[in-house]
Protein backbone atom coordinates (compact mmCIF):
# COMPACT_ATOMS: atom_id res chain seq x y z
CA UNK A 1 0.00 0.00 0.00
CA UNK A 2 2.76 2.24 0.92
CA UNK A 3 4.35 1.56 -2.41
CA UNK A 4 1.05 2.39 -4.12
CA UNK A 5 0.85 5.58 -2.13
CA UNK A 6 4.37 6.39 -3.13
CA UNK A 7 3.54 5.69 -6.70
CA UNK A 8 0.45 7.80 -6.41
CA UNK A 9 2.40 10.57 -4.80
CA UNK A 10 5.07 10.34 -7.48
CA UNK A 11 2.43 10.36 -10.19
CA UNK A 12 0.78 13.30 -8.51
CA UNK A 13 4.12 15.02 -8.46
CA UNK A 14 4.68 14.16 -12.02
CA UNK A 15 1.26 15.49 -12.92
CA UNK A 16 1.88 18.59 -10.91
CA UNK A 17 5.18 19.01 -12.63
CA UNK A 18 3.50 18.36 -15.89
CA UNK A 19 0.89 20.92 -15.12
CA UNK A 20 3.50 23.37 -14.02
CA UNK A 21 5.37 22.76 -17.20
CA UNK A 22 2.20 23.18 -19.16
CA UNK A 23 1.50 26.38 -17.31
CA UNK A 24 4.97 27.50 -17.93
CA UNK A 25 4.63 26.59 -21.58
CA UNK A 26 1.30 28.32 -21.70
CA UNK A 27 2.83 31.29 -20.03
CA UNK A 28 5.66 31.09 -22.45
CA UNK A 29 3.23 30.79 -25.28
CA UNK A 30 1.33 33.72 -23.94
CA UNK A 31 4.59 35.57 -23.47
CA UNK A 32 5.69 34.68 -26.90
CA UNK A 33 2.38 35.78 -28.25
CA UNK A 34 2.64 38.99 -26.36
CA UNK A 35 6.18 39.37 -27.43
CA UNK A 36 5.19 38.61 -30.95
CA UNK A 37 2.46 41.14 -30.80
CA UNK A 38 4.76 43.61 -29.15
CA UNK A 39 7.40 42.82 -31.76
CA UNK A 40 4.95 43.31 -34.51
CA UNK A 41 3.81 46.49 -32.88
CA UNK A 42 7.41 47.63 -32.47
CA UNK A 43 8.12 46.74 -36.07
CA UNK A 44 5.14 48.71 -37.16
CA UNK A 45 6.24 51.65 -35.09
CA UNK A 46 9.81 51.31 -36.36
CA UNK A 47 8.62 51.10 -39.91
CA UNK A 48 6.48 54.10 -39.37
CA UNK A 49 9.41 55.92 -37.83
CA UNK A 50 11.65 54.84 -40.68
CA UNK A 51 9.07 55.89 -43.18
CA UNK A 52 8.74 59.19 -41.41
CA UNK A 53 12.47 59.64 -41.32
CA UNK A 54 12.69 58.58 -44.95
CA UNK A 55 10.10 61.13 -45.87
CA UNK A 56 12.06 63.73 -43.91
CA UNK A 57 15.30 62.61 -45.52
CA UNK A 58 13.70 62.70 -48.93
CA UNK A 59 12.64 66.28 -48.34
CA UNK A 60 16.13 67.16 -47.19
CA UNK A 61 17.66 65.39 -50.16
CA UNK A 62 15.34 67.22 -52.51
CA UNK A 63 16.30 70.52 -50.89
CA UNK A 64 20.00 69.64 -51.08
CA UNK A 65 19.66 68.57 -54.70
CA UNK A 66 17.85 71.78 -55.49
CA UNK A 67 20.56 73.78 -53.74
CA UNK A 68 23.28 71.89 -55.60
CA UNK A 69 21.44 72.43 -58.87
CA UNK A 70 21.12 76.13 -58.11
CA UNK A 71 24.83 76.31 -57.26
CA UNK A 72 25.77 74.45 -60.44
CA UNK A 73 23.56 76.69 -62.52
CA UNK A 74 25.12 79.73 -60.84
CA UNK A 75 28.61 78.43 -61.53
CA UNK A 76 27.72 77.73 -65.16
CA UNK A 77 26.23 81.20 -65.50
CA UNK A 78 29.31 82.81 -63.99
CA UNK A 79 31.61 80.78 -66.20
CA UNK A 80 29.61 81.82 -69.22
CA UNK A 81 29.76 85.47 -68.22
CA UNK A 82 33.47 85.22 -67.45
CA UNK A 83 34.11 83.68 -70.82
CA UNK A 84 32.20 86.47 -72.47
CA UNK A 85 34.01 89.12 -70.44
CA UNK A 86 37.35 87.44 -70.99
CA UNK A 87 36.66 87.28 -74.71
CA UNK A 88 35.79 90.97 -74.77
CA UNK A 89 38.83 91.83 -72.66
CA UNK A 90 40.99 89.62 -74.84
CA UNK A 91 39.73 91.33 -77.95
CA UNK A 92 40.37 94.71 -76.36
CA UNK A 93 43.83 93.67 -75.27
CA UNK A 94 44.61 92.27 -78.71
CA UNK A 95 43.90 95.70 -80.14
CA UNK A 96 46.10 97.33 -77.53
CA UNK A 97 49.14 95.05 -78.04
CA UNK A 98 51.74 97.00 -80.07
CA UNK A 99 52.83 95.30 -83.28
CA UNK A 100 56.61 94.88 -83.33
CA UNK A 101 57.88 95.34 -86.85
CA UNK A 102 61.36 94.45 -87.97
CA UNK A 103 63.20 96.17 -90.79
CA UNK A 104 65.86 94.75 -93.06
CA UNK A 105 69.14 96.65 -92.79
CA UNK A 106 71.98 95.95 -95.23
CA UNK A 107 75.40 97.30 -94.30
CA UNK A 108 78.29 97.43 -96.77
CA UNK A 109 81.81 97.87 -95.36
CA UNK A 110 84.57 99.16 -97.66
CA UNK A 111 87.72 98.29 -95.68
CA UNK A 112 90.82 100.21 -96.87
CA UNK A 113 93.91 98.02 -96.66
CA UNK A 114 97.15 99.25 -95.08
CA UNK A 115 100.32 97.98 -96.67
CA UNK A 116 102.58 97.81 -93.60
CA UNK A 117 101.33 99.19 -90.28
CA UNK A 118 98.00 99.05 -88.40
CA UNK A 119 96.83 95.92 -90.18
CA UNK A 120 94.48 94.84 -87.39
CA UNK A 121 90.99 93.41 -87.75
CA UNK A 122 87.92 95.32 -86.57
CA UNK A 123 84.94 94.07 -84.56
CA UNK A 124 81.65 95.67 -85.59
CA UNK A 125 78.84 95.62 -83.00
CA UNK A 126 75.25 96.59 -83.74
CA UNK A 127 72.48 95.63 -81.36
CA UNK A 128 73.21 92.12 -80.14
CA UNK A 129 75.12 91.19 -83.26
CA UNK A 130 78.90 91.21 -83.68
CA UNK A 131 80.83 90.77 -86.91
CA UNK A 132 84.57 90.41 -87.46
CA UNK A 133 85.88 92.57 -90.29
CA UNK A 134 89.10 91.13 -91.64
CA UNK A 135 91.63 93.81 -92.46
CA UNK A 136 91.44 95.03 -96.04
CA UNK A 137 88.42 92.86 -96.93
CA UNK A 138 85.10 94.38 -97.90
CA UNK A 139 82.04 92.83 -96.31
CA UNK A 140 78.25 92.92 -96.60
CA UNK A 141 76.14 92.40 -93.47
CA UNK A 142 72.38 91.92 -93.29
CA UNK A 143 70.42 92.24 -90.04
CA UNK A 144 66.79 92.63 -88.91
CA UNK A 145 66.19 95.47 -86.44
CA UNK A 146 63.21 97.01 -84.70
CA UNK A 147 62.45 100.67 -85.23
CA UNK A 148 64.79 102.95 -83.29
CA UNK A 149 68.28 104.41 -83.03
CA UNK A 150 71.26 102.06 -83.04
CA UNK A 151 74.96 102.54 -82.48
CA UNK A 152 77.49 100.96 -84.82
CA UNK A 153 80.68 100.46 -82.84
CA UNK A 154 83.97 99.70 -84.61
CA UNK A 155 86.61 98.32 -82.24
CA UNK A 156 90.23 97.31 -82.75
CA UNK A 157 90.28 93.52 -82.26
CA UNK A 158 93.68 93.82 -80.54
CA UNK A 159 93.06 96.92 -78.43
CA UNK A 160 89.51 97.75 -77.33
CA UNK A 161 90.49 101.32 -76.41
CA UNK A 162 90.85 102.14 -80.12
CA UNK A 163 87.36 102.46 -81.53
CA UNK A 164 84.89 104.66 -83.35
CA UNK A 165 81.13 104.91 -83.28
CA UNK A 166 78.32 106.12 -85.49
CA UNK A 167 74.53 105.89 -85.27
CA UNK A 168 71.67 104.99 -87.58
CA UNK A 169 67.95 105.71 -87.28
CA UNK A 170 65.94 102.68 -88.40
CA UNK A 171 62.43 103.51 -89.63
CA UNK A 172 62.31 101.56 -92.88
CA UNK A 173 64.26 98.96 -94.79
CA UNK A 174 67.59 100.55 -95.63
CA UNK A 175 71.04 100.06 -97.15
CA UNK A 176 74.09 101.82 -95.70
CA UNK A 177 77.70 101.96 -96.84
CA UNK A 178 80.78 102.81 -94.76
CA UNK A 179 84.43 103.23 -95.64
CA UNK A 180 86.78 102.44 -92.75
CA UNK A 181 90.53 102.83 -92.36
CA UNK A 182 92.80 101.73 -89.49
CA UNK A 183 95.38 103.95 -87.84
CA UNK A 184 97.65 103.34 -84.87
CA UNK A 185 95.46 105.44 -82.57
CA UNK A 186 92.05 105.51 -84.24
CA UNK A 187 89.64 104.02 -86.74
CA UNK A 188 88.19 106.42 -89.30
CA UNK A 189 84.60 105.76 -90.37
CA UNK A 190 83.12 107.52 -93.39
CA UNK A 191 79.52 107.17 -94.48
CA UNK A 192 79.51 106.41 -98.22
CA UNK A 193 75.73 106.32 -98.65
CA UNK A 194 72.43 105.88 -96.82
CA UNK A 195 69.64 104.56 -99.01
CA UNK A 196 66.32 104.38 -97.14
CA UNK A 197 63.38 102.55 -98.69
CA UNK A 198 60.82 105.35 -98.45
CA UNK A 199 58.22 106.95 -100.63
CA UNK A 200 59.21 110.08 -102.52
CA UNK A 201 57.06 112.74 -104.12
CA UNK A 202 56.19 112.71 -107.78
CA UNK A 203 58.45 115.67 -108.53
CA UNK A 204 61.40 114.12 -106.69
CA UNK A 205 64.01 111.48 -107.43
CA UNK A 206 66.53 109.44 -105.49
CA UNK A 207 70.23 109.26 -106.33
CA UNK A 208 71.45 105.79 -107.22
CA UNK A 209 75.14 106.69 -107.46
CA UNK A 210 77.85 108.62 -105.64
CA UNK A 211 79.79 111.33 -107.46
CA UNK A 212 82.83 109.09 -107.77
CA UNK A 213 80.86 106.79 -110.08
CA UNK A 214 80.54 109.59 -112.65
CA UNK A 215 84.12 110.88 -112.64
CA UNK A 216 86.40 109.70 -115.49
CA UNK A 217 83.47 108.37 -117.53
CA UNK A 218 82.38 109.83 -120.86
CA UNK A 219 80.08 112.82 -120.39
CA UNK A 220 77.46 111.47 -122.81
CA UNK A 221 77.10 108.30 -120.77
CA UNK A 222 76.87 110.32 -117.54
CA UNK A 223 74.24 112.70 -118.94
CA UNK A 224 72.19 109.74 -120.15
CA UNK A 225 72.38 108.19 -116.68
CA UNK A 226 71.24 111.43 -115.05
CA UNK A 227 68.35 111.77 -117.49
CA UNK A 228 67.26 108.21 -116.72
CA UNK A 229 67.20 109.12 -113.02
CA UNK A 230 64.72 111.89 -113.88
CA UNK A 231 66.78 115.09 -113.90
CA UNK A 232 65.33 117.65 -116.30
CA UNK A 233 67.74 120.58 -115.88
CA UNK A 234 71.15 119.26 -116.96
CA UNK A 235 73.81 121.71 -118.18
CA UNK A 236 77.12 120.96 -119.85
CA UNK A 237 80.38 122.67 -118.94
CA UNK A 238 83.06 121.75 -121.51
CA UNK A 239 86.61 122.44 -120.36
CA UNK A 240 89.02 122.90 -123.27
CA UNK A 241 92.17 121.96 -121.38
CA UNK A 242 93.54 118.82 -123.07
CA UNK A 243 96.92 119.71 -124.55
CA UNK A 244 99.08 116.59 -124.61
CA UNK A 245 96.31 114.00 -124.82
CA UNK A 246 96.84 112.48 -121.35
CA UNK A 247 93.18 112.90 -120.53
CA UNK A 248 90.62 111.27 -122.77
CA UNK A 249 88.42 113.65 -124.68
CA UNK A 250 84.95 113.84 -123.17
CA UNK A 251 86.11 112.50 -119.79
CA UNK A 252 84.01 113.82 -116.90
CA UNK A 253 85.89 115.96 -114.41
CA UNK A 254 83.02 116.71 -112.03
CA UNK A 255 79.25 116.60 -111.64
CA UNK A 256 77.57 119.10 -109.34
CA UNK A 257 73.95 118.98 -108.20
CA UNK A 258 72.54 122.22 -106.86
CA UNK A 259 76.11 123.60 -106.79
CA UNK A 260 77.56 120.78 -104.68
CA UNK A 261 79.38 117.56 -105.45
CA UNK A 262 79.07 116.00 -101.99
CA UNK A 263 75.85 114.15 -102.81
CA UNK A 264 75.57 110.44 -102.12
CA UNK A 265 73.48 107.49 -103.10
CA UNK A 266 70.10 107.76 -101.38
CA UNK A 267 69.95 111.57 -101.45
CA UNK A 268 66.65 113.00 -102.71
CA UNK A 269 66.45 115.95 -105.11
CA UNK A 270 63.78 117.80 -107.05
CA UNK A 271 63.74 116.68 -110.66
CA UNK A 272 64.31 120.25 -111.88
CA UNK A 273 67.40 120.78 -109.69
CA UNK A 274 70.28 122.20 -111.72
CA UNK A 275 72.92 119.63 -112.64
CA UNK A 276 76.25 120.70 -114.18
CA UNK A 277 78.45 118.14 -115.93
CA UNK A 278 82.04 119.37 -116.43
CA UNK A 279 84.20 117.43 -118.87
CA UNK A 280 87.51 117.71 -120.72
CA UNK A 281 87.94 118.52 -124.41
CA UNK A 282 90.96 119.40 -126.55
CA UNK A 283 92.17 122.93 -126.16
CA UNK A 284 92.58 123.31 -129.92
CA UNK A 285 88.84 122.83 -130.33
CA UNK A 286 87.99 125.72 -128.03
CA UNK A 287 85.69 128.00 -130.06
CA UNK A 288 86.90 131.01 -128.12
CA UNK A 289 90.36 130.48 -129.62
CA UNK A 290 88.89 130.95 -133.10
CA UNK A 291 87.35 134.20 -131.92
CA UNK A 292 90.76 135.22 -130.62
CA UNK A 293 92.41 134.54 -133.98
CA UNK A 294 89.69 136.46 -135.77
CA UNK A 295 90.21 139.39 -133.45
CA UNK A 296 93.95 139.31 -134.09
CA UNK A 297 93.39 139.40 -137.85
CA UNK A 298 91.10 142.34 -137.42
CA UNK A 299 93.79 144.05 -135.38
CA UNK A 300 96.35 143.62 -138.13
CA UNK A 301 94.02 144.90 -140.86
CA UNK A 302 92.58 147.83 -138.97
CA UNK A 303 95.05 150.64 -138.45
CA UNK A 304 92.52 153.20 -137.35
CA UNK A 305 91.24 151.21 -134.36
CA UNK A 306 94.53 149.52 -133.57
CA UNK A 307 94.76 150.71 -130.00
CA UNK A 308 91.18 149.81 -129.11
CA UNK A 309 91.47 146.47 -130.85
CA UNK A 310 94.62 145.58 -128.94
CA UNK A 311 92.85 146.35 -125.68
CA UNK A 312 89.93 144.21 -126.71
CA UNK A 313 92.28 141.43 -127.68
CA UNK A 314 93.96 141.59 -124.29
CA UNK A 315 90.58 141.34 -122.61
CA UNK A 316 89.63 138.41 -124.80
CA UNK A 317 92.87 136.62 -123.97
CA UNK A 318 92.34 137.24 -120.27
CA UNK A 319 88.80 135.90 -120.48
CA UNK A 320 89.98 132.89 -122.44
CA UNK A 321 92.53 132.10 -119.79
CA UNK A 322 89.91 132.39 -117.06
CA UNK A 323 87.58 130.02 -118.90
CA UNK A 324 90.24 127.32 -119.02
CA UNK A 325 90.66 127.53 -115.26
CA UNK A 326 88.40 125.69 -112.85
CA UNK A 327 86.11 128.10 -111.05
CA UNK A 328 87.46 127.04 -107.62
CA UNK A 329 91.17 127.52 -108.37
CA UNK A 330 93.62 129.73 -110.23
CA UNK A 331 95.21 126.61 -111.76
CA UNK A 332 94.42 124.72 -114.90
CA UNK A 333 93.25 121.14 -114.37
CA UNK A 334 96.63 119.44 -114.61
CA UNK A 335 98.28 121.87 -112.19
CA UNK A 336 95.31 121.70 -109.83
CA UNK A 337 95.74 117.92 -109.56
CA UNK A 338 99.22 118.41 -108.09
CA UNK A 339 97.76 120.32 -105.16
CA UNK A 340 100.85 122.43 -104.43
CA UNK A 341 100.43 125.66 -106.35
CA UNK A 342 98.00 128.56 -106.74
CA UNK A 343 94.76 129.12 -104.87
CA UNK A 344 91.91 126.74 -104.05
CA UNK A 345 88.52 127.42 -102.46
CA UNK A 346 86.16 124.99 -100.71
CA UNK A 347 82.91 125.16 -98.76
CA UNK A 348 80.93 123.00 -96.35
CA UNK A 349 77.29 124.03 -96.50
CA UNK A 350 75.09 123.83 -93.41
CA UNK A 351 71.46 124.56 -92.66
CA UNK A 352 72.20 127.82 -90.86
CA UNK A 353 75.62 128.87 -92.15
CA UNK A 354 78.48 127.80 -94.45
CA UNK A 355 82.16 127.22 -93.67
CA UNK A 356 84.74 128.35 -96.24
CA UNK A 357 88.43 127.43 -96.64
CA UNK A 358 90.80 129.15 -99.07
CA UNK A 359 94.25 127.63 -99.63
CA UNK A 360 96.88 129.94 -101.05
CA UNK A 361 100.17 128.19 -101.82
CA UNK A 362 101.60 131.32 -103.42
CA UNK A 363 101.36 133.29 -100.17
CA UNK A 364 101.83 130.24 -97.91
CA UNK A 365 98.60 130.61 -95.93
CA UNK A 366 95.18 129.07 -95.57
CA UNK A 367 92.10 131.10 -94.64
CA UNK A 368 88.83 129.96 -93.08
CA UNK A 369 85.65 131.78 -92.16
CA UNK A 370 81.92 131.31 -91.81
CA UNK A 371 79.12 133.03 -93.68
CA UNK A 372 75.51 133.32 -92.58
CA UNK A 373 75.90 133.35 -88.80
CA UNK A 374 76.96 137.00 -88.37
CA UNK A 375 80.68 136.24 -87.93
CA UNK A 376 82.82 139.19 -89.06
CA UNK A 377 86.34 137.73 -88.82
CA UNK A 378 88.41 135.19 -90.71
CA UNK A 379 91.41 133.11 -89.66
CA UNK A 380 94.78 133.13 -91.40
CA UNK A 381 97.00 130.12 -90.67
CA UNK A 382 100.48 129.54 -92.04
CA UNK A 383 101.20 126.45 -94.13
CA UNK A 384 103.94 124.47 -92.43
CA UNK A 385 104.63 121.86 -95.11
CA UNK A 386 103.15 119.40 -97.59
CA UNK A 387 100.75 119.36 -100.52
CA UNK A 388 97.10 118.45 -100.89
CA UNK A 389 97.79 114.95 -102.20
CA UNK A 390 99.97 113.89 -99.26
CA UNK A 391 98.53 116.32 -96.71
CA UNK A 392 99.15 119.96 -95.82
CA UNK A 393 100.29 120.51 -92.24
CA UNK A 394 99.33 123.78 -90.58
CA UNK A 395 101.30 125.92 -88.13
CA UNK A 396 99.38 127.65 -85.33
CA UNK A 397 100.96 130.42 -83.24
CA UNK A 398 99.01 129.13 -80.25
CA UNK A 399 98.63 125.36 -80.49
CA UNK A 400 95.85 125.43 -77.88
CA UNK A 401 93.64 127.14 -80.47
CA UNK A 402 94.43 124.60 -83.17
CA UNK A 403 91.61 122.37 -84.27
CA UNK A 404 92.71 121.37 -87.79
CA UNK A 405 95.71 119.05 -88.03
CA UNK A 406 96.05 118.85 -91.78
CA UNK A 407 94.22 119.09 -95.13
CA UNK A 408 94.23 116.79 -98.13
CA UNK A 409 92.33 115.88 -101.27
CA UNK A 410 89.80 113.16 -100.59
CA UNK A 411 91.19 111.22 -103.52
CA UNK A 412 94.70 111.71 -104.85
CA UNK A 413 94.98 113.92 -107.93
CA UNK A 414 91.26 114.73 -107.70
CA UNK A 415 90.98 118.29 -106.33
CA UNK A 416 87.19 118.53 -106.26
CA UNK A 417 86.81 117.32 -102.67
CA UNK A 418 88.83 118.46 -99.66
CA UNK A 419 89.12 116.69 -96.31
CA UNK A 420 90.05 118.58 -93.14
CA UNK A 421 91.21 116.41 -90.23
CA UNK A 422 90.66 117.97 -86.80
CA UNK A 423 92.53 117.37 -83.53
CA UNK A 424 90.22 114.47 -82.63
CA UNK A 425 90.96 112.89 -86.02
CA UNK A 426 87.43 113.47 -87.25
CA UNK A 427 87.26 114.14 -90.97
CA UNK A 428 85.22 117.00 -92.43
CA UNK A 429 84.45 116.98 -96.14
CA UNK A 430 84.34 120.17 -98.23
CA UNK A 431 83.35 120.67 -101.85
CA UNK A 432 84.62 123.16 -104.40
CA UNK A 433 83.11 126.64 -104.57
CA UNK A 434 83.66 129.85 -106.51
CA UNK A 435 87.06 131.28 -105.60
CA UNK A 436 85.97 134.73 -106.74
CA UNK A 437 82.92 134.72 -104.46
CA UNK A 438 84.87 133.29 -101.52
CA UNK A 439 87.58 135.96 -101.78
CA UNK A 440 84.94 138.67 -101.97
CA UNK A 441 83.26 137.41 -98.79
CA UNK A 442 86.60 137.15 -96.99
CA UNK A 443 87.59 140.70 -97.93
CA UNK A 444 84.47 141.99 -96.16
CA UNK A 445 85.74 140.56 -92.84
CA UNK A 446 88.65 141.41 -90.54
CA UNK A 447 91.65 139.16 -90.05
CA UNK A 448 92.25 136.98 -86.97
CA UNK A 449 95.50 135.06 -86.63
CA UNK A 450 95.19 132.19 -84.11
């Protein structure tokens, strides 16, 4: 019985346990159900919150996108305006940028060769360009330069302290010629021509030659050349001075334009400017000699007017002699070429006044004065030694007043151009002028002996 009771008790316990478990399970089921419901509710709430947040985020995103779009549109608009402004500014600036134009400059160097001394080379500098000029060799240089003034510097390649300098003004294409010569203490630079490519007026012409290219040629050829240039007022000056036939008949002695023979290639003249071509002919063909002979015959056949006729004949002879002389000297052409006898007169014409030099070998003095600037005195300087081919040296009483070292013909045996070398070794060119007029002007002034 006790065992049965125990079994019953155990079964009761088991049932109680079972019931407890069932209750627990039920409670768990209820809890799970509640939890499930709560979970579902929480999920619903969370979803609602998420949806709400999503809606809020969507609004924010839309606002941000709109702001970004506005910013992008603003940037694009600004870029477009900037491009437009930059284009306008660029176009304006393009118009304001100065156009740099280069001109072609051709330089010809005529390098005089020394036989023994001072045979150094010369370095020519112009702008950033340097050229070596070999002694005694002519050279042509071509360079492109902007508009402006430039210095041409000639320097002894062995001693940089010996140099010379000249300037050019570049405004157009141009061709320039220089003649240079080396000395122990200097380099002489002479401008041969300056030919600028520029427009000239219809009534003007440009020289294509220097005077030296006409001398010693036949006068007919020279006159034809001058006519082809455009000169319309050409006069002939025959000089009947050929006696022994050394000089060719018709050979040109000189060509003056507007009274001067210092013109150069590139100079511009009016077409109607007076041009005088002087040339040599045989003395025996001088028509004035025939007149002289006729006058002499008349003298011999006319006893009544013998005295008057003789006087007239003397005047004719005097005039004939004067006609055979050059107007700038008392010498005939052959004697004038020697440069050591008689009188010579030269002038250097300026814009405001002229400078005159008279050389008198007979008296042993040279005279110089100016005309046109109100100066009333002239200088008389004694000739120390020499002739005009090799150089005439002057003697000053007071050497501190001396400015001219010596005088010489520009070309040997060609008396139509005089060069005066001053104390700084600069050369000044003078051309022939009327001796009669020069003496008359000098006589109106008072003497000054330096």
